[in-house]
Amino acid sequence: MPLDAPQPASPQHCTQQKHLLGISSGSATIHPLIMAPTASSSATTRSVGGIAVLLLLLAALLAGTSSAQLSSGFYSHSCPGVYDAVKSVLQSAIAREQRMGASILRLFFHDCFVQGCDASLLLDDTPSFQGEKMATPNNGSVRGFEVIDAIKSAVEKVCPGVVSCADILAIAARDSVVILGGPNWDVKLGRRDSTTASLTGANNNIPPPTSGLSNLTSLFAAQGLSQKDMVALAGAHTIGLARCTNFRAHVYNDTNIDGAFARTRQSGCPRASGSGDNNLAPLDLQTPTVFENNYYKNLARKKGLLHSDQELFNGGSTDSQVQSYSAFFADFVTGMIKMGDITPLTGSNGQIRKNCRRIN
C-alpha cells in the first residue's frame, strides 16, 4: 500500500522559512526590512529589537502550525510498522466475522461526529466518568471495541506509547473498506486521544435512522461535510447489518418502499416494539459483505432498509447523485478524508492512551 508520505516541516523547509524571516544560525543574516543598529540611534535599536522579537514569535507560530497538521507520513520514522500491525489483526477479525469490517467503519463515523476524530467513543464509563457508549445512537449498536483493543495491543508491542487510538481507528476504518473490496487511500495521521467524552454530543450529533433529508444535511453540514459528501459516505451502508428496531417503522409505515421488499423485511421484524428488536437484516440486499455500489441501486428501486437511506432517493435534491453513482469510490474517499479531518487533537493537546478504553 502506498502509505508513506513526506514528513511535515523538513529541515530544509525550516531553513527556508527562517531565511525568509531573517533568522539564521549564523551571525551574518539580516532581513532586508531590518536596519542594522548603529551607536547613534538607540531608538532604532529598540525598534529593531522589537521587530526581531515579533519575527521570532512568528517563526515559533509557524513551526507550531506545521507540527499540528495531519500527515499520511506521520509515523514513517517513529512507527513504520503500524500499518502491518493494524492490518494483520483486522484481517483475522474480518475472516472470523465479515460483519466486523462494517462495524469498525461505523465506529470511526460515530467517533468523528462527536468532538472530532479523537477516540472519545472508545472510552468506557466509570463511576466518575460518563462516556458515549450509552448514548441512544450507540447503546447496543456500536461494536468492535475488542478488535480495536487487540489492534492497540499489537501496535504497542511494535512501538509503545507512539500511536494514538484515534489514529488506529482511522487506519482500521480504511483497511476495513479495502479488505471488503473498496477503494484504498492514504490516511492522514497525527491525531491524539481525548481525555473527555460527550454523551450529549453523541445524542445530538449522530444522525438517527429516522432522519429526513433536511435533518441529515444539517447534521453533516455541522461537521463541515457537504450534501455530496453525505451521499457518498452513506455508501458505507453497502456493507453491514441493521437491527429491526432501526428499520421497523420504515418497513411498516412508510410508503416510499417497494412492497415486496417491505414484506420480506417484515418477516424477520415483528411489528410490535420489543419483539425481535435485535433481529438483523443486511443494509445491502445483494452483497452485504462486499464494498460496491449496490446500495445506490437499491435506493433507486425503493429498497433502502432505513428511512434515512431511502430519504436520499425520495424526490429530493440528492436523487440525481444516487442515480449517477455507478461508481462512487472517488467521492467516498474524498468524504472519508474530510471526515477524518474533523477537529483532530494534535500537537500537545490530548494524549496517547495506553489503553483505548480509559484515560492514562
Protein backbone atom coordinates (compact mmCIF):
# COMPACT_ATOMS: atom_id res chain seq x y z
CA MET A 1 0.00 0.00 0.00
CA PRO A 2 1.28 3.49 -0.81
CA LEU A 3 1.21 4.64 2.78
CA ASP A 4 4.31 6.75 3.21
CA ALA A 5 4.32 10.46 2.53
CA PRO A 6 6.80 13.27 3.20
CA GLN A 7 7.24 14.20 6.85
CA PRO A 8 5.99 17.68 7.75
CA ALA A 9 8.48 20.52 8.03
CA SER A 10 11.75 19.10 6.71
CA PRO A 11 14.98 20.74 7.97
CA GLN A 12 15.49 22.33 4.57
CA HIS A 13 11.97 23.77 4.61
CA CYS A 14 12.50 25.16 8.11
CA THR A 15 15.76 26.76 6.96
CA GLN A 16 13.95 28.39 4.07
CA GLN A 17 11.27 29.73 6.43
CA LYS A 18 13.92 31.12 8.75
CA HIS A 19 15.72 32.78 5.85
CA LEU A 20 12.52 34.49 4.76
CA LEU A 21 12.08 35.76 8.30
CA GLY A 22 15.66 36.97 8.51
CA ILE A 23 16.69 34.30 11.02
CA SER A 24 19.88 32.29 10.65
CA SER A 25 22.11 30.05 12.73
CA GLY A 26 24.96 32.24 11.53
CA SER A 27 25.50 35.85 12.59
CA ALA A 28 25.53 37.49 9.16
CA THR A 29 21.93 37.05 8.04
CA ILE A 30 19.85 40.22 8.32
CA HIS A 31 16.32 40.54 6.99
CA PRO A 32 16.11 43.24 4.29
CA LEU A 33 13.37 45.04 6.26
CA ILE A 34 15.51 45.34 9.39
CA MET A 35 18.15 48.06 9.52
CA ALA A 36 21.37 47.20 11.31
CA PRO A 37 21.57 49.23 14.55
CA THR A 38 24.13 51.99 14.94
CA ALA A 39 25.54 53.65 18.01
CA SER A 40 23.93 56.95 17.00
CA SER A 41 20.34 55.73 17.30
CA SER A 42 19.14 53.95 20.43
CA ALA A 43 15.54 54.37 19.23
CA THR A 44 16.37 52.46 16.08
CA THR A 45 18.00 49.75 18.18
CA ARG A 46 14.89 49.39 20.32
CA SER A 47 12.71 49.28 17.20
CA VAL A 48 14.88 46.63 15.60
CA GLY A 49 14.79 44.59 18.80
CA GLY A 50 11.01 44.76 18.87
CA ILE A 51 10.73 43.68 15.26
CA ALA A 52 13.16 40.82 15.86
CA VAL A 53 11.09 39.58 18.80
CA LEU A 54 7.94 39.70 16.69
CA LEU A 55 9.66 37.78 13.91
CA LEU A 56 10.86 35.14 16.35
CA LEU A 57 7.33 34.76 17.71
CA LEU A 58 6.03 34.43 14.16
CA ALA A 59 8.61 31.74 13.42
CA ALA A 60 7.56 29.81 16.51
CA LEU A 61 3.93 30.11 15.48
CA LEU A 62 4.69 28.78 12.01
CA ALA A 63 6.59 25.84 13.48
CA GLY A 64 3.71 25.04 15.81
CA THR A 65 1.21 25.17 12.97
CA SER A 66 3.34 22.81 10.88
CA SER A 67 3.62 20.23 13.66
CA ALA A 68 -0.14 20.35 14.27
CA GLN A 69 -1.04 19.28 10.73
CA LEU A 70 -2.10 15.73 9.97
CA SER A 71 0.13 13.86 7.54
CA SER A 72 -0.02 10.47 5.87
CA GLY A 73 3.66 10.06 6.71
CA PHE A 74 3.34 10.98 10.38
CA TYR A 75 4.67 7.60 11.62
CA SER A 76 7.16 6.96 8.81
CA HIS A 77 10.08 7.18 11.25
CA SER A 78 8.51 6.76 14.69
CA CYS A 79 6.40 3.66 13.93
CA PRO A 80 6.63 2.42 10.33
CA GLY A 81 5.26 -0.97 11.40
CA VAL A 82 1.89 0.41 12.49
CA TYR A 83 0.15 -0.40 9.21
CA ASP A 84 1.15 -4.07 9.19
CA ALA A 85 0.16 -4.43 12.84
CA VAL A 86 -3.30 -2.95 12.24
CA LYS A 87 -3.96 -4.90 9.07
CA SER A 88 -2.86 -8.25 10.50
CA VAL A 89 -5.27 -8.12 13.44
CA LEU A 90 -8.09 -6.68 11.35
CA GLN A 91 -7.81 -9.28 8.60
CA SER A 92 -8.11 -12.06 11.18
CA ALA A 93 -11.13 -10.39 12.79
CA ILE A 94 -12.95 -9.96 9.47
CA ALA A 95 -12.10 -13.52 8.45
CA ARG A 96 -13.84 -14.71 11.63
CA GLU A 97 -16.83 -12.40 11.08
CA GLN A 98 -17.20 -10.44 7.86
CA ARG A 99 -19.65 -8.06 9.51
CA MET A 100 -16.78 -6.72 11.60
CA GLY A 101 -15.44 -4.57 8.76
CA ALA A 102 -18.67 -2.58 8.66
CA SER A 103 -18.69 -2.35 12.46
CA ILE A 104 -15.21 -0.79 12.55
CA LEU A 105 -16.11 1.68 9.80
CA ARG A 106 -19.20 2.67 11.79
CA LEU A 107 -17.10 3.17 14.94
CA PHE A 108 -14.99 5.71 13.07
CA PHE A 109 -18.07 7.57 11.80
CA HIS A 110 -19.72 7.72 15.24
CA ASP A 111 -16.45 8.85 16.82
CA CYS A 112 -15.74 11.64 14.33
CA PHE A 113 -19.21 13.17 14.66
CA VAL A 114 -18.70 13.83 18.39
CA GLN A 115 -15.82 16.16 19.37
CA GLY A 116 -14.00 15.22 16.17
CA CYS A 117 -11.95 12.08 15.47
CA ASP A 118 -10.46 11.76 18.96
CA ALA A 119 -11.33 8.19 20.08
CA SER A 120 -13.74 9.55 22.69
CA LEU A 121 -16.21 6.82 21.70
CA LEU A 122 -13.77 4.14 22.86
CA LEU A 123 -13.76 5.31 26.49
CA ASP A 124 -15.65 3.12 28.97
CA ASP A 125 -17.96 4.54 31.61
CA THR A 126 -16.60 4.57 35.17
CA PRO A 127 -18.15 5.70 38.48
CA SER A 128 -16.56 9.11 37.92
CA PHE A 129 -16.67 9.33 34.10
CA GLN A 130 -19.52 9.20 31.59
CA GLY A 131 -18.59 8.14 28.10
CA GLU A 132 -20.53 7.96 24.84
CA LYS A 133 -21.26 4.24 24.60
CA MET A 134 -24.65 4.54 26.32
CA ALA A 135 -25.89 7.31 24.03
CA THR A 136 -29.03 6.37 22.10
CA PRO A 137 -27.27 6.01 18.69
CA ASN A 138 -24.55 3.83 20.27
CA ASN A 139 -26.15 1.75 23.01
CA GLY A 140 -26.47 -1.87 21.90
CA SER A 141 -25.49 -0.81 18.41
CA VAL A 142 -21.83 0.13 18.00
CA ARG A 143 -19.46 -2.81 18.29
CA GLY A 144 -15.91 -3.91 17.52
CA PHE A 145 -14.26 -2.43 20.61
CA GLU A 146 -12.48 -5.69 21.37
CA VAL A 147 -10.93 -5.63 17.89
CA ILE A 148 -9.59 -2.12 18.48
CA ASP A 149 -8.21 -3.35 21.83
CA ALA A 150 -6.41 -6.19 20.05
CA ILE A 151 -5.01 -3.83 17.43
CA LYS A 152 -3.81 -1.42 20.11
CA SER A 153 -2.02 -4.28 21.92
CA ALA A 154 -0.31 -5.33 18.69
CA VAL A 155 0.77 -1.76 17.90
CA GLU A 156 2.07 -1.23 21.45
CA LYS A 157 4.35 -4.25 21.03
CA VAL A 158 5.84 -2.70 17.90
CA CYS A 159 6.20 0.87 19.17
CA PRO A 160 4.89 1.52 22.68
CA GLY A 161 3.40 4.91 23.52
CA VAL A 162 3.60 6.29 19.99
CA VAL A 163 0.37 5.67 18.05
CA SER A 164 -2.92 7.10 19.30
CA CYS A 165 -6.17 5.15 19.50
CA ALA A 166 -7.71 7.82 17.26
CA ASP A 167 -5.19 7.08 14.52
CA ILE A 168 -5.59 3.32 14.99
CA LEU A 169 -9.32 3.70 14.41
CA ALA A 170 -8.74 5.82 11.29
CA ILE A 171 -6.35 3.25 9.81
CA ALA A 172 -8.65 0.36 10.73
CA ALA A 173 -11.63 2.07 9.05
CA ARG A 174 -9.65 2.45 5.81
CA ASP A 175 -8.37 -1.13 5.96
CA SER A 176 -11.89 -2.46 6.57
CA VAL A 177 -13.05 -0.85 3.33
CA VAL A 178 -10.05 -2.21 1.40
CA ILE A 179 -10.36 -5.76 2.78
CA LEU A 180 -14.02 -5.88 1.69
CA GLY A 181 -13.19 -4.77 -1.86
CA GLY A 182 -13.45 -1.00 -1.60
CA PRO A 183 -11.02 1.80 -2.51
CA ASN A 184 -7.66 2.47 -0.89
CA TRP A 185 -6.37 5.87 0.22
CA ASP A 186 -3.57 7.40 2.27
CA VAL A 187 -4.88 8.07 5.78
CA LYS A 188 -3.73 11.35 7.28
CA LEU A 189 -2.37 10.74 10.78
CA GLY A 190 -1.12 12.61 13.82
CA ARG A 191 -4.28 12.68 15.93
CA ARG A 192 -4.13 12.45 19.69
CA ASP A 193 -6.67 10.93 22.06
CA SER A 194 -9.20 12.94 24.01
CA THR A 195 -9.43 12.93 27.79
CA THR A 196 -13.14 13.79 27.59
CA ALA A 197 -16.31 12.41 26.03
CA SER A 198 -19.77 13.83 25.38
CA LEU A 199 -22.93 11.79 25.86
CA THR A 200 -24.96 14.84 24.87
CA GLY A 201 -22.90 15.33 21.73
CA ALA A 202 -23.42 11.71 20.74
CA ASN A 203 -27.18 12.01 21.23
CA ASN A 204 -27.38 15.27 19.28
CA ASN A 205 -24.79 14.93 16.51
CA ILE A 206 -25.10 11.37 15.19
CA PRO A 207 -27.88 11.13 12.57
CA PRO A 208 -30.64 8.72 13.67
CA PRO A 209 -32.06 6.20 11.16
CA THR A 210 -35.36 8.11 11.22
CA SER A 211 -33.78 11.31 9.85
CA GLY A 212 -35.25 13.14 6.88
CA LEU A 213 -33.12 14.66 4.14
CA SER A 214 -33.13 18.16 5.66
CA ASN A 215 -32.01 16.91 9.07
CA LEU A 216 -29.33 14.69 7.55
CA THR A 217 -27.99 17.59 5.51
CA SER A 218 -27.88 19.86 8.57
CA LEU A 219 -26.10 17.30 10.77
CA PHE A 220 -23.43 16.69 8.13
CA ALA A 221 -23.05 20.41 7.43
CA ALA A 222 -22.39 20.95 11.15
CA GLN A 223 -19.30 18.77 10.69
CA GLY A 224 -18.13 20.66 7.61
CA LEU A 225 -19.39 17.98 5.21
CA SER A 226 -21.39 18.84 2.10
CA GLN A 227 -24.52 17.13 0.85
CA LYS A 228 -22.34 15.46 -1.80
CA ASP A 229 -20.04 14.15 0.95
CA MET A 230 -23.11 12.91 2.82
CA VAL A 231 -24.45 10.86 -0.08
CA ALA A 232 -21.01 9.42 -0.81
CA LEU A 233 -20.38 8.49 2.83
CA ALA A 234 -23.82 6.87 3.01
CA GLY A 235 -22.33 4.35 0.58
CA ALA A 236 -20.75 2.76 3.65
CA HIS A 237 -24.16 1.09 4.00
CA THR A 238 -23.19 -1.14 1.10
CA ILE A 239 -21.77 -3.36 3.88
CA GLY A 240 -23.11 -4.36 7.27
CA LEU A 241 -26.39 -5.13 9.02
CA ALA A 242 -29.07 -3.15 10.84
CA ARG A 243 -31.30 -4.08 13.77
CA CYS A 244 -35.06 -4.44 13.45
CA THR A 245 -35.61 -1.61 15.92
CA ASN A 246 -33.91 0.76 13.46
CA PHE A 247 -35.88 -0.20 10.35
CA ARG A 248 -39.25 -1.34 11.77
CA ALA A 249 -41.04 1.98 11.21
CA HIS A 250 -39.78 2.22 7.64
CA VAL A 251 -40.89 -1.24 6.50
CA TYR A 252 -44.30 -0.99 8.19
CA ASN A 253 -45.28 2.67 7.94
CA ASP A 254 -43.50 4.38 5.03
CA THR A 255 -44.93 4.47 1.52
CA ASN A 256 -41.66 5.14 -0.35
CA ILE A 257 -40.66 1.47 -0.20
CA ASP A 258 -41.00 -1.44 -2.60
CA GLY A 259 -43.90 -3.62 -1.39
CA ALA A 260 -42.23 -7.00 -1.87
CA PHE A 261 -39.07 -5.76 -0.19
CA ALA A 262 -41.07 -4.42 2.76
CA ARG A 263 -42.83 -7.77 3.23
CA THR A 264 -39.51 -9.63 3.12
CA ARG A 265 -38.08 -7.43 5.86
CA GLN A 266 -41.29 -7.60 7.90
CA SER A 267 -40.97 -11.39 8.03
CA GLY A 268 -37.91 -11.05 10.25
CA CYS A 269 -39.01 -7.95 12.15
CA PRO A 270 -42.31 -8.17 14.07
CA ARG A 271 -44.43 -5.02 14.13
CA ALA A 272 -44.69 -4.90 17.93
CA SER A 273 -41.91 -2.95 19.61
CA GLY A 274 -39.90 -5.11 21.97
CA SER A 275 -40.36 -8.22 19.85
CA GLY A 276 -37.34 -9.12 17.73
CA ASP A 277 -35.74 -5.71 18.22
CA ASN A 278 -32.25 -7.11 17.71
CA ASN A 279 -33.06 -9.23 14.65
CA LEU A 280 -30.67 -8.29 11.87
CA ALA A 281 -31.10 -7.57 8.17
CA PRO A 282 -28.50 -6.57 5.54
CA LEU A 283 -28.27 -2.91 4.59
CA ASP A 284 -27.38 -4.06 1.07
CA LEU A 285 -29.83 -6.75 -0.03
CA GLN A 286 -27.50 -8.43 -2.53
CA THR A 287 -23.92 -8.22 -1.26
CA PRO A 288 -23.70 -7.11 2.41
CA THR A 289 -20.04 -8.14 2.76
CA VAL A 290 -18.70 -6.59 -0.46
CA PHE A 291 -17.94 -2.89 -0.78
CA GLU A 292 -19.52 -1.75 -4.07
CA ASN A 293 -22.41 0.31 -5.42
CA ASN A 294 -25.46 -1.97 -4.99
CA TYR A 295 -26.57 0.24 -2.10
CA TYR A 296 -27.39 3.06 -4.53
CA LYS A 297 -29.08 0.72 -7.00
CA ASN A 298 -31.31 -0.48 -4.17
CA LEU A 299 -32.28 3.09 -3.27
CA ALA A 300 -33.31 3.77 -6.87
CA ARG A 301 -35.57 0.69 -6.63
CA LYS A 302 -37.03 1.87 -3.30
CA LYS A 303 -35.27 -0.91 -1.44
CA GLY A 304 -33.37 1.11 1.15
CA LEU A 305 -33.53 -0.61 4.54
CA LEU A 306 -33.52 2.51 6.71
CA HIS A 307 -35.82 5.51 6.43
CA SER A 308 -32.73 7.76 6.38
CA ASP A 309 -31.26 5.72 3.50
CA GLN A 310 -34.35 5.98 1.30
CA GLU A 311 -34.55 9.72 2.00
CA LEU A 312 -31.51 10.08 -0.27
CA PHE A 313 -33.73 8.94 -3.16
CA ASN A 314 -37.19 10.29 -2.50
CA GLY A 315 -37.82 13.09 -4.98
CA GLY A 316 -35.31 15.48 -3.40
CA SER A 317 -32.06 17.23 -4.22
CA THR A 318 -29.91 14.10 -3.85
CA ASP A 319 -31.80 11.87 -6.32
CA SER A 320 -29.53 12.68 -9.26
CA GLN A 321 -26.39 11.88 -7.28
CA VAL A 322 -27.79 8.49 -6.26
CA GLN A 323 -28.69 7.73 -9.88
CA SER A 324 -25.22 8.70 -11.13
CA TYR A 325 -23.32 6.51 -8.67
CA SER A 326 -22.49 3.56 -10.88
CA ALA A 327 -19.05 4.23 -9.42
CA PHE A 328 -18.71 6.23 -6.21
CA PHE A 329 -15.29 5.25 -4.87
CA ALA A 330 -13.57 8.57 -5.58
CA ASP A 331 -16.25 10.62 -3.82
CA PHE A 332 -16.33 8.16 -0.92
CA VAL A 333 -12.58 8.55 -0.42
CA THR A 334 -12.90 12.34 -0.51
CA GLY A 335 -15.65 12.16 2.10
CA MET A 336 -13.65 9.83 4.35
CA ILE A 337 -10.60 12.09 4.24
CA LYS A 338 -12.73 15.16 5.04
CA MET A 339 -14.47 13.32 7.88
CA GLY A 340 -11.10 12.24 9.27
CA ASP A 341 -10.10 15.91 9.40
CA ILE A 342 -12.94 16.88 11.75
CA THR A 343 -11.30 18.84 14.62
CA PRO A 344 -8.48 16.41 15.49
CA LEU A 345 -6.43 16.84 18.65
CA THR A 346 -2.81 17.40 17.62
CA GLY A 347 0.47 18.71 18.97
CA SER A 348 0.39 18.85 22.77
CA ASN A 349 -3.39 18.54 23.02
CA GLY A 350 -4.87 15.32 24.33
CA GLN A 351 -2.72 12.26 24.96
CA ILE A 352 -1.60 8.91 23.58
CA ARG A 353 -3.64 6.41 25.58
CA LYS A 354 -2.01 3.20 26.73
CA ASN A 355 -5.43 1.56 26.82
CA CYS A 356 -8.08 2.83 24.40
CA ARG A 357 -10.85 2.30 26.96
CA ARG A 358 -9.52 4.66 29.62
CA ILE A 359 -7.59 7.87 30.12
CA ASN A 360 -3.96 7.49 31.18
